[in-house]
Amino acid sequence: MNSNRNMLKKFSMCALLVILGLIVSINIFASSTNKESSDAPTVPLKPTLVVAMKNDPKTLDPQRSIDTMSNKSLDLIYDSLFEYDENLNVHPVLVESWERPDQYHSIFRLKKGIKFHNGDELKAEDVKFTLERAAVSPQVMFQYNPIAEVIVIDDYTVNVVTKTPYGALIQALAGIQSGIVNKKTVEKYGDDYINHPIGTGQYKFKEWLPGNRIVFEGFDEYFRGAPKIKEITFRTIPEVSNRLIALETGEADMAFDVGLMDKDVILKNPNLELLEVESPSLLYLGFDQTVPKYQNKNLRYAIAYAIDNNIFVDTIFKGSAVAAVAPIAKASIAYNPNVKRFDQDVEKAKQYLKDAGYPNGLNLELWVSDDGPRIDMCVIIQDQLSAIGINAEIKVFEFGSYVSKTALSGKDLYFLSWNYSGDGDASLYPLFHSSQHGSSGNRSFYTNKEVDDLLDKARVSIDQNERTELYQKAQEIIQDDLPHYTLVYPMLNIAKNVKVKGLVFKKNGYINVLNTYVEK
């Protein structure tokens, strides 16, 4: 009896071991199979991505950049402490954690082990150097001047001290212009740093042939993972029709700012895809307040009332834009639709022109950069102004020189754009605060103390409702003064080959290629 029991126990134990062995074997096999399938590519991938751009960048220094072409290149090379997602929500990137012990101090703890392209580890000293550099840069200080100092607590912790409470600090630290530079490299190269940019971003600078291309190579030690695309080339193709041809022939995999006349062609091509986003961007006509004739409010009103913004929406943008009302875009939380309107009224425009002292009309120049749709808009404006007796001679400038020329005072009527995060501070402060005259953004050289006070109060408030109310009041004054006349809020677009996968197109017009790959 006992021997039968012992035998039964032994048999049960053996059976249990066999079952356990089978389970372990099955689990090992399953996990091995899953690992192999997850690591193995499902299709062959191209190692390169070619992107067609309408203009060259002006700089590869984030603390010197004020134009979108430069920003798109900088976005590959540099990381900021925070970043915007596709819907312009802010998320940490280089920051592990942060806290705001009071309204003047913000403490940021950096992630450890993040490398610059030259192999140096990112340290608090680099963050201090970058942000204090941004705070005094003429091009970007409109966002970073509130920073009084950055205190290094240890190698991975900084305390950002502001002169006053600063409601848009985190948004500013998500801006491309706060991309963290390598202190050692900037100090080594000085003014020549533009040719030796070093960041912590997913791509390293490789070469730049102005007027032709700029090339970036993947950074295999990137802290969020080596990129699947090993090399990205931004090719400069100014003509919008040629950008489409490059896409159709496979010369380019993707193109920014495709012509809206080509929209139907792209949509009908099974190999191409059009991406569009409603963005916080705008196009406007600027009136330089240092020029005597543009100090005349009646003349500014006459020009505004002569223009029908809806024509641009229908003919130039084919519905991919909204006729503007306020001096900031509809996509901004601070947008005020109840400001003074300038719906086209030719008779009213003629009366304002007469009241301005030009009963027989006048001659002026209309400046624009060498961008096809913008030139087309200026041709329409030229025709509309002629209906009230204004003869506008269109002057077209190469983009890089245009950005520089419009930063100077004493210019004629000019056509420009503004693209920003959507926060009221970035929308209004650089364009209309009197401290920002020139290259920072206020190219109309507009000055109004009441507007300055409202923008200053909104900047130091950390109450979003209060900030919105102040920005909306400022818009009412600005639209009545009319230092510039906003024409449309354009949608931004990208066209790409359908084999480009995992691309994120943000509402500010920039791209995230973190998980992008290209199928062969």
Protein backbone atom coordinates (compact mmCIF):
# COMPACT_ATOMS: atom_id res chain seq x y z
CA MET A 1 0.00 0.00 0.00
CA ASN A 2 2.75 2.43 0.99
CA SER A 3 4.81 1.43 -2.06
CA ASN A 4 1.80 2.16 -4.31
CA ARG A 5 1.44 5.59 -2.67
CA ASN A 6 5.12 6.35 -3.17
CA MET A 7 4.94 5.25 -6.77
CA LEU A 8 1.90 7.47 -7.32
CA LYS A 9 3.73 10.46 -5.80
CA LYS A 10 6.75 9.84 -8.03
CA PHE A 11 4.52 9.56 -11.11
CA SER A 12 2.69 12.78 -10.19
CA MET A 13 5.96 14.61 -9.65
CA CYS A 14 7.35 13.45 -12.99
CA ALA A 15 4.18 14.48 -14.76
CA LEU A 16 4.31 17.89 -13.11
CA LEU A 17 7.94 18.37 -14.18
CA VAL A 18 7.11 17.39 -17.75
CA ILE A 19 4.19 19.84 -17.83
CA LEU A 20 6.33 22.63 -16.35
CA GLY A 21 9.04 21.88 -18.87
CA LEU A 22 6.54 22.09 -21.69
CA ILE A 23 5.20 25.40 -20.38
CA VAL A 24 8.68 26.87 -20.06
CA SER A 25 9.61 25.63 -23.53
CA ILE A 26 6.45 27.10 -25.01
CA ASN A 27 7.06 30.44 -23.27
CA ILE A 28 10.69 30.57 -24.39
CA PHE A 29 9.67 29.72 -27.94
CA ALA A 30 6.87 32.29 -27.92
CA SER A 31 9.02 35.09 -26.51
CA SER A 32 11.82 34.25 -28.94
CA THR A 33 9.37 34.29 -31.84
CA ASN A 34 7.88 37.66 -30.75
CA LYS A 35 11.31 39.20 -30.38
CA GLU A 36 12.36 38.08 -33.84
CA SER A 37 9.16 39.35 -35.47
CA SER A 38 9.30 42.73 -33.70
CA ASP A 39 12.93 43.33 -34.64
CA ALA A 40 12.73 42.15 -38.22
CA PRO A 41 11.68 44.75 -40.81
CA THR A 42 8.51 43.83 -42.65
CA VAL A 43 9.60 45.64 -45.84
CA PRO A 44 12.93 46.94 -47.16
CA LEU A 45 13.61 50.55 -46.11
CA LYS A 46 15.30 53.42 -47.90
CA PRO A 47 18.13 54.93 -45.87
CA THR A 48 17.49 58.45 -47.21
CA LEU A 49 14.74 61.10 -47.28
CA VAL A 50 14.80 64.03 -49.72
CA VAL A 51 12.63 67.03 -48.83
CA ALA A 52 11.94 69.86 -51.28
CA MET A 53 12.04 73.32 -49.66
CA LYS A 54 11.16 76.69 -51.18
CA ASN A 55 14.10 78.58 -49.63
CA ASP A 56 17.47 78.15 -47.97
CA PRO A 57 17.77 78.56 -44.21
CA LYS A 58 19.37 81.80 -43.07
CA THR A 59 21.14 80.31 -40.06
CA LEU A 60 21.81 77.08 -38.17
CA ASP A 61 22.12 78.88 -34.85
CA PRO A 62 18.85 78.53 -32.89
CA GLN A 63 19.44 81.70 -30.91
CA ARG A 64 19.75 83.68 -34.16
CA SER A 65 16.75 82.29 -36.03
CA ILE A 66 13.57 84.19 -36.82
CA ASP A 67 12.48 82.48 -40.08
CA THR A 68 10.63 79.22 -40.70
CA MET A 69 13.13 77.85 -43.24
CA SER A 70 15.90 78.00 -40.64
CA ASN A 71 13.65 76.60 -37.94
CA LYS A 72 12.85 73.49 -39.99
CA SER A 73 16.56 72.67 -40.19
CA LEU A 74 17.20 73.55 -36.56
CA ASP A 75 14.39 71.23 -35.50
CA LEU A 76 16.44 68.24 -36.72
CA ILE A 77 19.72 69.28 -35.08
CA TYR A 78 18.59 70.51 -31.65
CA ASP A 79 16.37 69.52 -28.77
CA SER A 80 14.84 72.04 -26.39
CA LEU A 81 13.92 71.32 -22.78
CA PHE A 82 10.32 70.83 -23.94
CA GLU A 83 8.62 70.32 -27.30
CA TYR A 84 5.25 70.82 -28.99
CA ASP A 85 3.26 67.84 -30.16
CA GLU A 86 1.16 67.89 -33.32
CA ASN A 87 -1.68 69.75 -31.55
CA LEU A 88 0.77 72.22 -29.94
CA ASN A 89 0.52 70.76 -26.46
CA VAL A 90 3.81 70.97 -24.56
CA HIS A 91 5.75 67.91 -23.35
CA PRO A 92 9.18 67.48 -21.67
CA VAL A 93 12.13 66.27 -23.77
CA LEU A 94 15.47 66.88 -22.03
CA VAL A 95 13.78 67.39 -18.67
CA GLU A 96 13.17 64.55 -16.21
CA SER A 97 11.07 66.66 -13.84
CA TRP A 98 10.44 70.27 -12.90
CA GLU A 99 8.77 72.41 -10.29
CA ARG A 100 7.93 76.09 -9.76
CA PRO A 101 8.45 76.89 -6.06
CA ASP A 102 7.27 80.47 -6.65
CA GLN A 103 6.39 82.80 -9.50
CA TYR A 104 10.01 83.77 -10.17
CA HIS A 105 11.84 80.45 -9.96
CA SER A 106 11.50 77.28 -12.03
CA ILE A 107 13.71 74.29 -11.25
CA PHE A 108 14.43 71.79 -14.03
CA ARG A 109 16.13 68.42 -13.57
CA LEU A 110 17.79 67.11 -16.72
CA LYS A 111 17.82 63.54 -17.94
CA LYS A 112 21.25 61.97 -17.53
CA GLY A 113 23.35 60.44 -20.28
CA ILE A 114 22.12 62.60 -23.16
CA LYS A 115 24.91 63.21 -25.66
CA PHE A 116 25.72 66.06 -27.99
CA HIS A 117 26.81 65.20 -31.53
CA ASN A 118 30.46 65.75 -30.53
CA GLY A 119 30.20 63.13 -27.78
CA ASP A 120 29.94 65.54 -24.82
CA GLU A 121 27.24 64.84 -22.28
CA LEU A 122 24.51 67.45 -21.90
CA LYS A 123 25.05 69.31 -18.65
CA ALA A 124 23.34 72.12 -16.76
CA GLU A 125 26.10 74.52 -17.83
CA ASP A 126 25.00 74.09 -21.48
CA VAL A 127 21.41 74.92 -20.54
CA LYS A 128 22.52 78.01 -18.62
CA PHE A 129 24.68 79.14 -21.53
CA THR A 130 21.88 78.61 -24.07
CA LEU A 131 19.07 80.36 -22.22
CA GLU A 132 21.16 83.33 -21.12
CA ARG A 133 22.38 83.62 -24.71
CA ALA A 134 18.78 83.60 -25.98
CA ALA A 135 17.80 86.26 -23.44
CA VAL A 136 20.14 88.82 -25.06
CA SER A 137 19.84 87.79 -28.71
CA PRO A 138 18.17 90.54 -30.79
CA GLN A 139 16.39 87.96 -32.93
CA VAL A 140 14.76 85.89 -30.16
CA MET A 141 14.91 87.95 -26.98
CA PHE A 142 11.19 88.74 -27.32
CA GLN A 143 10.60 85.27 -25.85
CA TYR A 144 13.59 84.94 -23.54
CA ASN A 145 14.31 88.44 -22.23
CA PRO A 146 12.14 87.79 -19.13
CA ILE A 147 14.88 85.39 -17.98
CA ALA A 148 17.09 87.20 -15.46
CA GLU A 149 19.59 84.39 -14.92
CA VAL A 150 19.98 80.63 -14.90
CA ILE A 151 21.56 79.20 -11.76
CA VAL A 152 23.38 75.87 -11.99
CA ILE A 153 22.49 73.83 -8.90
CA ASP A 154 24.43 70.74 -10.00
CA ASP A 155 25.43 69.05 -13.27
CA TYR A 156 21.82 68.06 -13.99
CA THR A 157 19.75 70.76 -12.30
CA VAL A 158 19.11 74.40 -13.16
CA ASN A 159 17.04 77.14 -11.59
CA VAL A 160 15.60 79.52 -14.22
CA VAL A 161 15.00 82.87 -12.55
CA THR A 162 12.74 85.39 -14.28
CA LYS A 163 12.65 89.16 -13.77
CA THR A 164 8.90 88.99 -13.28
CA PRO A 165 6.37 86.17 -13.27
CA TYR A 166 6.32 84.83 -16.85
CA GLY A 167 3.18 82.98 -17.89
CA ALA A 168 4.59 81.68 -21.17
CA LEU A 169 7.91 80.35 -19.82
CA ILE A 170 7.27 76.66 -20.57
CA GLN A 171 6.01 77.52 -24.06
CA ALA A 172 9.19 79.56 -24.64
CA LEU A 173 11.30 76.62 -23.48
CA ALA A 174 9.53 74.47 -26.08
CA GLY A 175 10.47 76.90 -28.85
CA ILE A 176 13.05 75.94 -31.48
CA GLN A 177 14.97 79.10 -30.56
CA SER A 178 15.71 77.58 -27.14
CA GLY A 179 17.41 74.55 -28.71
CA ILE A 180 20.26 73.64 -26.37
CA VAL A 181 23.69 74.33 -27.85
CA ASN A 182 27.02 72.89 -26.79
CA LYS A 183 28.75 75.69 -24.86
CA LYS A 184 32.26 74.48 -25.72
CA THR A 185 31.55 74.44 -29.46
CA VAL A 186 29.92 77.88 -29.58
CA GLU A 187 32.81 79.42 -27.66
CA LYS A 188 35.33 77.66 -29.92
CA TYR A 189 33.88 78.85 -33.25
CA GLY A 190 32.31 82.19 -32.31
CA ASP A 191 30.71 83.86 -35.34
CA ASP A 192 31.54 80.81 -37.48
CA TYR A 193 29.37 78.56 -35.30
CA ILE A 194 26.72 78.61 -38.06
CA ASN A 195 29.02 76.25 -40.01
CA HIS A 196 29.69 73.95 -37.06
CA PRO A 197 26.32 73.46 -35.32
CA ILE A 198 26.22 70.92 -32.50
CA GLY A 199 23.02 69.86 -30.74
CA THR A 200 21.55 66.77 -29.10
CA GLY A 201 18.96 66.21 -31.83
CA GLN A 202 18.16 63.16 -33.90
CA TYR A 203 20.26 64.41 -36.83
CA LYS A 204 23.76 65.85 -37.18
CA PHE A 205 24.76 68.55 -39.62
CA LYS A 206 26.71 67.13 -42.57
CA GLU A 207 26.99 69.76 -45.31
CA TRP A 208 25.38 72.92 -46.65
CA LEU A 209 25.62 74.09 -50.23
CA PRO A 210 23.69 77.41 -50.22
CA GLY A 211 21.09 77.61 -52.94
CA ASN A 212 21.26 73.85 -53.48
CA ARG A 213 20.92 71.61 -50.46
CA ILE A 214 21.59 71.06 -46.79
CA VAL A 215 22.28 67.51 -45.58
CA PHE A 216 21.79 65.90 -42.17
CA GLU A 217 22.98 62.47 -41.07
CA GLY A 218 21.36 60.29 -38.42
CA PHE A 219 22.77 60.45 -34.89
CA ASP A 220 23.04 56.80 -33.84
CA GLU A 221 23.55 57.71 -30.17
CA TYR A 222 20.36 59.79 -29.99
CA PHE A 223 18.84 59.28 -26.56
CA ARG A 224 15.39 58.46 -27.95
CA GLY A 225 16.79 55.89 -30.38
CA ALA A 226 18.78 55.84 -33.60
CA PRO A 227 16.74 57.09 -36.57
CA LYS A 228 15.58 54.65 -39.23
CA ILE A 229 16.37 57.24 -41.91
CA LYS A 230 20.14 57.58 -42.06
CA GLU A 231 20.32 60.78 -44.09
CA ILE A 232 17.89 63.66 -44.71
CA THR A 233 18.48 66.18 -47.49
CA PHE A 234 16.63 69.49 -47.70
CA ARG A 235 16.81 70.53 -51.36
CA THR A 236 16.16 74.15 -52.25
CA ILE A 237 13.60 74.31 -55.08
CA PRO A 238 12.11 77.84 -55.16
CA GLU A 239 9.62 77.23 -57.98
CA VAL A 240 6.45 75.65 -56.64
CA SER A 241 5.79 73.76 -59.91
CA ASN A 242 9.28 72.26 -59.79
CA ARG A 243 8.68 71.00 -56.26
CA LEU A 244 5.64 69.09 -57.56
CA ILE A 245 7.65 67.69 -60.48
CA ALA A 246 10.34 66.53 -58.04
CA LEU A 247 7.65 64.67 -56.09
CA GLU A 248 6.06 63.12 -59.16
CA THR A 249 9.38 61.88 -60.56
CA GLY A 250 10.62 60.55 -57.21
CA GLU A 251 13.46 63.07 -57.08
CA ALA A 252 11.98 64.17 -53.73
CA ASP A 253 10.08 62.08 -51.18
CA MET A 254 8.35 65.06 -49.62
CA ALA A 255 7.78 68.77 -50.23
CA PHE A 256 6.86 71.69 -48.01
CA ASP A 257 4.56 74.47 -49.26
CA VAL A 258 3.17 72.79 -52.35
CA GLY A 259 1.18 75.00 -54.69
CA LEU A 260 -2.52 74.95 -54.00
CA MET A 261 -3.14 75.02 -57.74
CA ASP A 262 -1.50 71.58 -57.68
CA LYS A 263 -3.72 70.25 -54.89
CA ASP A 264 -6.02 68.28 -57.22
CA VAL A 265 -3.04 66.78 -59.04
CA ILE A 266 -1.65 65.46 -55.76
CA LEU A 267 -5.00 64.13 -54.56
CA LYS A 268 -5.51 62.22 -57.83
CA ASN A 269 -2.05 60.66 -57.75
CA PRO A 270 -2.18 57.30 -55.89
CA ASN A 271 1.52 57.59 -55.05
CA LEU A 272 1.20 60.94 -53.29
CA GLU A 273 -0.55 62.21 -50.18
CA LEU A 274 -1.41 65.77 -49.11
CA LEU A 275 -1.30 66.74 -45.43
CA GLU A 276 -2.92 70.01 -44.31
CA VAL A 277 -3.24 71.59 -40.87
CA GLU A 278 -5.10 74.63 -39.58
CA SER A 279 -2.30 76.59 -38.02
CA PRO A 280 -1.73 79.74 -35.93
CA SER A 281 -0.05 81.44 -38.90
CA LEU A 282 -1.02 84.54 -40.85
CA LEU A 283 -0.14 86.67 -43.87
CA TYR A 284 -0.27 90.45 -43.61
CA LEU A 285 0.50 93.81 -45.20
CA GLY A 286 2.76 95.98 -43.07
CA PHE A 287 2.76 99.78 -42.76
CA ASP A 288 6.15 101.07 -41.60
CA GLN A 289 5.38 103.74 -39.00
CA THR A 290 8.70 105.49 -39.57
CA VAL A 291 7.52 106.47 -43.07
CA PRO A 292 5.42 109.69 -42.99
CA LYS A 293 2.73 108.56 -45.43
CA TYR A 294 2.09 105.35 -43.45
CA GLN A 295 1.74 107.34 -40.24
CA ASN A 296 -1.50 108.56 -41.83
CA LYS A 297 -4.24 106.34 -40.41
CA ASN A 298 -6.65 107.33 -43.18
CA LEU A 299 -4.24 105.94 -45.80
CA ARG A 300 -3.92 102.68 -43.88
CA TYR A 301 -7.72 102.42 -43.68
CA ALA A 302 -8.06 103.22 -47.39
CA ILE A 303 -5.73 100.35 -48.32
CA ALA A 304 -7.51 97.93 -45.98
CA TYR A 305 -11.00 98.77 -47.24
CA ALA A 306 -9.82 98.40 -50.86
CA ILE A 307 -8.88 94.72 -50.38
CA ASP A 308 -11.19 91.71 -50.57
CA ASN A 309 -9.58 88.96 -48.50
CA ASN A 310 -12.08 86.34 -49.64
CA ILE A 311 -10.60 86.40 -53.16
CA PHE A 312 -7.32 85.07 -51.76
CA VAL A 313 -9.13 82.21 -50.03
CA ASP A 314 -10.98 81.22 -53.21
CA THR A 315 -8.40 81.83 -55.96
CA ILE A 316 -4.97 81.47 -54.36
CA PHE A 317 -5.66 78.98 -51.56
CA LYS A 318 -8.56 77.06 -53.13
CA GLY A 319 -10.32 76.99 -49.76
CA SER A 320 -7.20 76.09 -47.75
CA ALA A 321 -7.24 79.35 -45.78
CA VAL A 322 -9.60 81.56 -43.80
CA ALA A 323 -10.15 85.28 -44.49
CA ALA A 324 -8.58 87.14 -41.58
CA VAL A 325 -10.47 89.25 -39.06
CA ALA A 326 -8.12 89.84 -36.12
CA PRO A 327 -4.35 90.45 -35.96
CA ILE A 328 -3.79 86.93 -34.61
CA ALA A 329 -4.97 83.66 -36.08
CA LYS A 330 -8.22 81.87 -35.39
CA ALA A 331 -6.28 78.85 -34.09
CA SER A 332 -4.98 80.87 -31.13
CA ILE A 333 -6.78 80.60 -27.79
CA ALA A 334 -6.57 84.41 -27.52
CA TYR A 335 -8.27 85.08 -30.88
CA ASN A 336 -10.79 87.94 -30.74
CA PRO A 337 -13.41 87.85 -33.56
CA ASN A 338 -15.06 91.06 -32.32
CA VAL A 339 -12.44 93.57 -33.44
CA LYS A 340 -12.96 96.30 -36.05
CA ARG A 341 -13.60 94.76 -39.49
CA PHE A 342 -12.42 96.02 -42.85
CA ASP A 343 -14.73 94.20 -45.25
CA GLN A 344 -14.09 95.47 -48.77
CA ASP A 345 -15.86 98.77 -49.48
CA VAL A 346 -14.42 100.60 -52.48
CA GLU A 347 -16.37 103.82 -51.93
CA LYS A 348 -15.34 103.99 -48.28
CA ALA A 349 -11.75 103.29 -49.35
CA LYS A 350 -11.86 106.20 -51.83
CA GLN A 351 -13.18 108.53 -49.15
CA TYR A 352 -10.43 107.54 -46.70
CA LEU A 353 -7.86 108.08 -49.44
CA LYS A 354 -9.27 111.57 -50.05
CA ASP A 355 -9.29 112.29 -46.31
CA ALA A 356 -5.65 111.17 -46.22
CA GLY A 357 -4.80 114.00 -48.59
CA TYR A 358 -4.61 111.98 -51.82
CA PRO A 359 -7.74 112.93 -53.80
CA ASN A 360 -5.93 112.07 -57.04
CA GLY A 361 -4.38 108.85 -55.74
CA LEU A 362 -0.69 108.10 -55.17
CA ASN A 363 2.18 105.86 -56.21
CA LEU A 364 3.81 103.39 -53.85
CA GLU A 365 5.87 100.21 -53.84
CA LEU A 366 4.59 96.83 -52.67
CA TRP A 367 7.42 94.60 -51.42
CA VAL A 368 7.23 90.79 -51.41
CA SER A 369 9.62 87.82 -51.27
CA ASP A 370 10.14 85.49 -54.23
CA ASP A 371 7.33 83.11 -53.31
CA GLY A 372 4.82 82.29 -56.07
CA PRO A 373 1.53 82.41 -54.14
CA ARG A 374 2.58 85.57 -52.28
CA ILE A 375 3.47 87.28 -55.53
CA ASP A 376 0.08 86.20 -56.91
CA MET A 377 -1.61 87.75 -53.87
CA CYS A 378 0.29 90.98 -54.45
CA VAL A 379 -0.87 91.07 -58.08
CA ILE A 380 -4.47 90.88 -56.83
CA ILE A 381 -3.77 93.59 -54.22
CA GLN A 382 -2.18 95.73 -56.94
CA ASP A 383 -5.37 95.44 -59.02
CA GLN A 384 -7.66 96.18 -56.06
CA LEU A 385 -5.63 99.24 -55.04
CA SER A 386 -5.75 100.57 -58.59
CA ALA A 387 -9.56 100.68 -58.29
CA ILE A 388 -9.24 103.47 -55.70
CA GLY A 389 -6.42 105.35 -57.43
CA ILE A 390 -3.33 103.79 -55.83
CA ASN A 391 -0.65 102.69 -58.27
CA ALA A 392 1.38 99.95 -56.54
CA GLU A 393 4.63 98.82 -58.15
CA ILE A 394 5.48 95.28 -57.03
CA LYS A 395 9.11 94.73 -55.95
CA VAL A 396 10.21 91.09 -55.57
CA PHE A 397 13.21 90.19 -53.38
CA GLU A 398 15.12 86.97 -52.73
CA PHE A 399 13.88 85.53 -49.43
CA GLY A 400 17.09 85.88 -47.42
CA SER A 401 17.68 89.50 -48.37
CA TYR A 402 13.97 90.23 -47.89
CA VAL A 403 14.05 89.11 -44.27
CA SER A 404 16.98 91.47 -43.68
CA LYS A 405 15.53 94.43 -45.63
CA THR A 406 12.14 94.34 -43.90
CA ALA A 407 13.85 94.48 -40.49
CA LEU A 408 15.03 97.99 -41.37
CA SER A 409 13.01 101.17 -40.99
CA GLY A 410 12.04 103.44 -43.89
CA LYS A 411 10.50 100.80 -46.17
CA ASP A 412 7.41 100.90 -48.34
CA LEU A 413 4.29 98.72 -48.12
CA TYR A 414 5.48 95.16 -47.43
CA PHE A 415 3.99 91.64 -47.43
CA LEU A 416 5.03 89.21 -44.68
CA SER A 417 3.96 86.19 -42.65
CA TRP A 418 4.08 85.20 -39.00
CA ASN A 419 4.03 81.64 -37.71
CA TYR A 420 4.02 80.87 -34.00
CA SER A 421 2.93 78.44 -31.29
CA GLY A 422 -0.59 79.84 -30.82
CA ASP A 423 0.09 81.34 -27.39
CA GLY A 424 -1.00 84.98 -27.18
CA ASP A 425 2.44 86.16 -26.09
CA ALA A 426 4.20 84.69 -29.14
CA SER A 427 1.37 85.99 -31.33
CA LEU A 428 1.32 89.63 -30.22
CA TYR A 429 4.39 90.61 -28.22
CA PRO A 430 7.01 90.34 -31.00
CA LEU A 431 4.79 91.94 -33.65
CA PHE A 432 3.38 94.87 -31.67
CA HIS A 433 5.37 95.64 -28.51
CA SER A 434 7.52 98.76 -28.90
CA SER A 435 10.58 96.97 -27.46
CA GLN A 436 10.57 94.63 -30.46
CA HIS A 437 11.15 97.10 -33.31
CA GLY A 438 13.03 95.57 -36.24
CA SER A 439 14.33 92.01 -36.56
CA SER A 440 12.53 90.65 -33.49
CA GLY A 441 9.20 90.98 -35.29
CA ASN A 442 7.78 94.51 -34.99
CA ARG A 443 8.82 95.49 -38.51
CA SER A 444 6.12 98.14 -38.73
CA PHE A 445 7.91 99.96 -35.87
CA TYR A 446 4.55 100.35 -34.15
CA THR A 447 4.42 102.01 -30.73
CA ASN A 448 1.37 102.29 -28.47
CA LYS A 449 1.85 102.60 -24.71
CA GLU A 450 -1.56 101.14 -23.90
CA VAL A 451 -0.79 98.08 -26.03
CA ASP A 452 2.62 97.77 -24.37
CA ASP A 453 1.00 97.85 -20.92
CA LEU A 454 -1.58 95.20 -21.84
CA LEU A 455 1.06 92.89 -23.33
CA ASP A 456 3.35 93.41 -20.33
CA LYS A 457 0.53 92.57 -17.90
CA ALA A 458 -0.40 89.46 -19.87
CA ARG A 459 3.21 88.34 -19.98
CA VAL A 460 3.64 88.39 -16.20
CA SER A 461 0.29 86.75 -15.45
CA ILE A 462 0.11 83.00 -14.87
CA ASP A 463 -3.72 83.07 -14.98
CA GLN A 464 -4.69 81.92 -18.50
CA ASN A 465 -8.15 83.53 -18.38
CA GLU A 466 -6.66 86.86 -17.37
CA ARG A 467 -4.03 86.59 -20.10
CA THR A 468 -6.67 85.86 -22.75
CA GLU A 469 -8.76 88.86 -21.67
CA LEU A 470 -5.73 91.17 -21.87
CA TYR A 471 -4.73 89.85 -25.29
CA GLN A 472 -8.23 90.32 -26.63
CA LYS A 473 -8.29 93.93 -25.42
CA ALA A 474 -4.91 94.53 -27.06
CA GLN A 475 -6.24 93.19 -30.36
CA GLU A 476 -9.07 95.72 -30.35
CA ILE A 477 -6.60 98.60 -30.06
CA ILE A 478 -4.17 97.13 -32.58
CA GLN A 479 -6.88 96.55 -35.16
CA ASP A 480 -8.13 100.11 -34.74
CA ASP A 481 -4.59 101.50 -35.11
CA LEU A 482 -3.87 99.09 -38.00
CA PRO A 483 -0.04 99.04 -38.02
CA HIS A 484 -0.45 96.05 -40.26
CA TYR A 485 -3.45 94.55 -42.00
CA THR A 486 -3.91 90.79 -41.64
CA LEU A 487 -5.12 89.20 -44.88
CA VAL A 488 -5.59 85.45 -44.36
CA TYR A 489 -4.92 82.60 -41.96
CA PRO A 490 -3.49 79.97 -44.33
CA MET A 491 -3.54 76.27 -43.74
CA LEU A 492 -0.05 74.79 -43.94
CA ASN A 493 0.68 71.77 -46.09
CA ILE A 494 3.10 69.04 -46.97
CA ALA A 495 2.89 66.63 -49.88
CA LYS A 496 4.67 63.30 -49.55
CA ASN A 497 5.12 59.97 -51.22
CA VAL A 498 2.85 57.34 -49.68
CA LYS A 499 5.95 55.28 -48.87
CA VAL A 500 6.96 57.88 -46.26
CA LYS A 501 5.49 56.46 -43.05
CA GLY A 502 5.24 57.63 -39.44
CA LEU A 503 5.58 61.35 -40.19
CA VAL A 504 3.95 63.78 -37.75
CA PHE A 505 2.95 67.16 -39.23
CA LYS A 506 2.45 69.68 -36.44
CA LYS A 507 -0.02 72.57 -36.50
CA ASN A 508 2.85 75.04 -36.46
CA GLY A 509 4.02 73.71 -39.81
CA TYR A 510 7.02 71.75 -38.54
CA ILE A 511 7.55 68.00 -38.72
CA ASN A 512 8.46 65.30 -36.23
CA VAL A 513 10.50 62.51 -37.86
CA LEU A 514 11.20 60.61 -34.64
CA ASN A 515 9.42 57.48 -35.92
CA THR A 516 9.55 58.18 -39.65
CA TYR A 517 10.80 55.66 -42.21
CA VAL A 518 10.66 55.32 -45.99
CA GLU A 519 9.72 52.09 -47.71
CA LYS A 520 11.63 51.14 -50.85
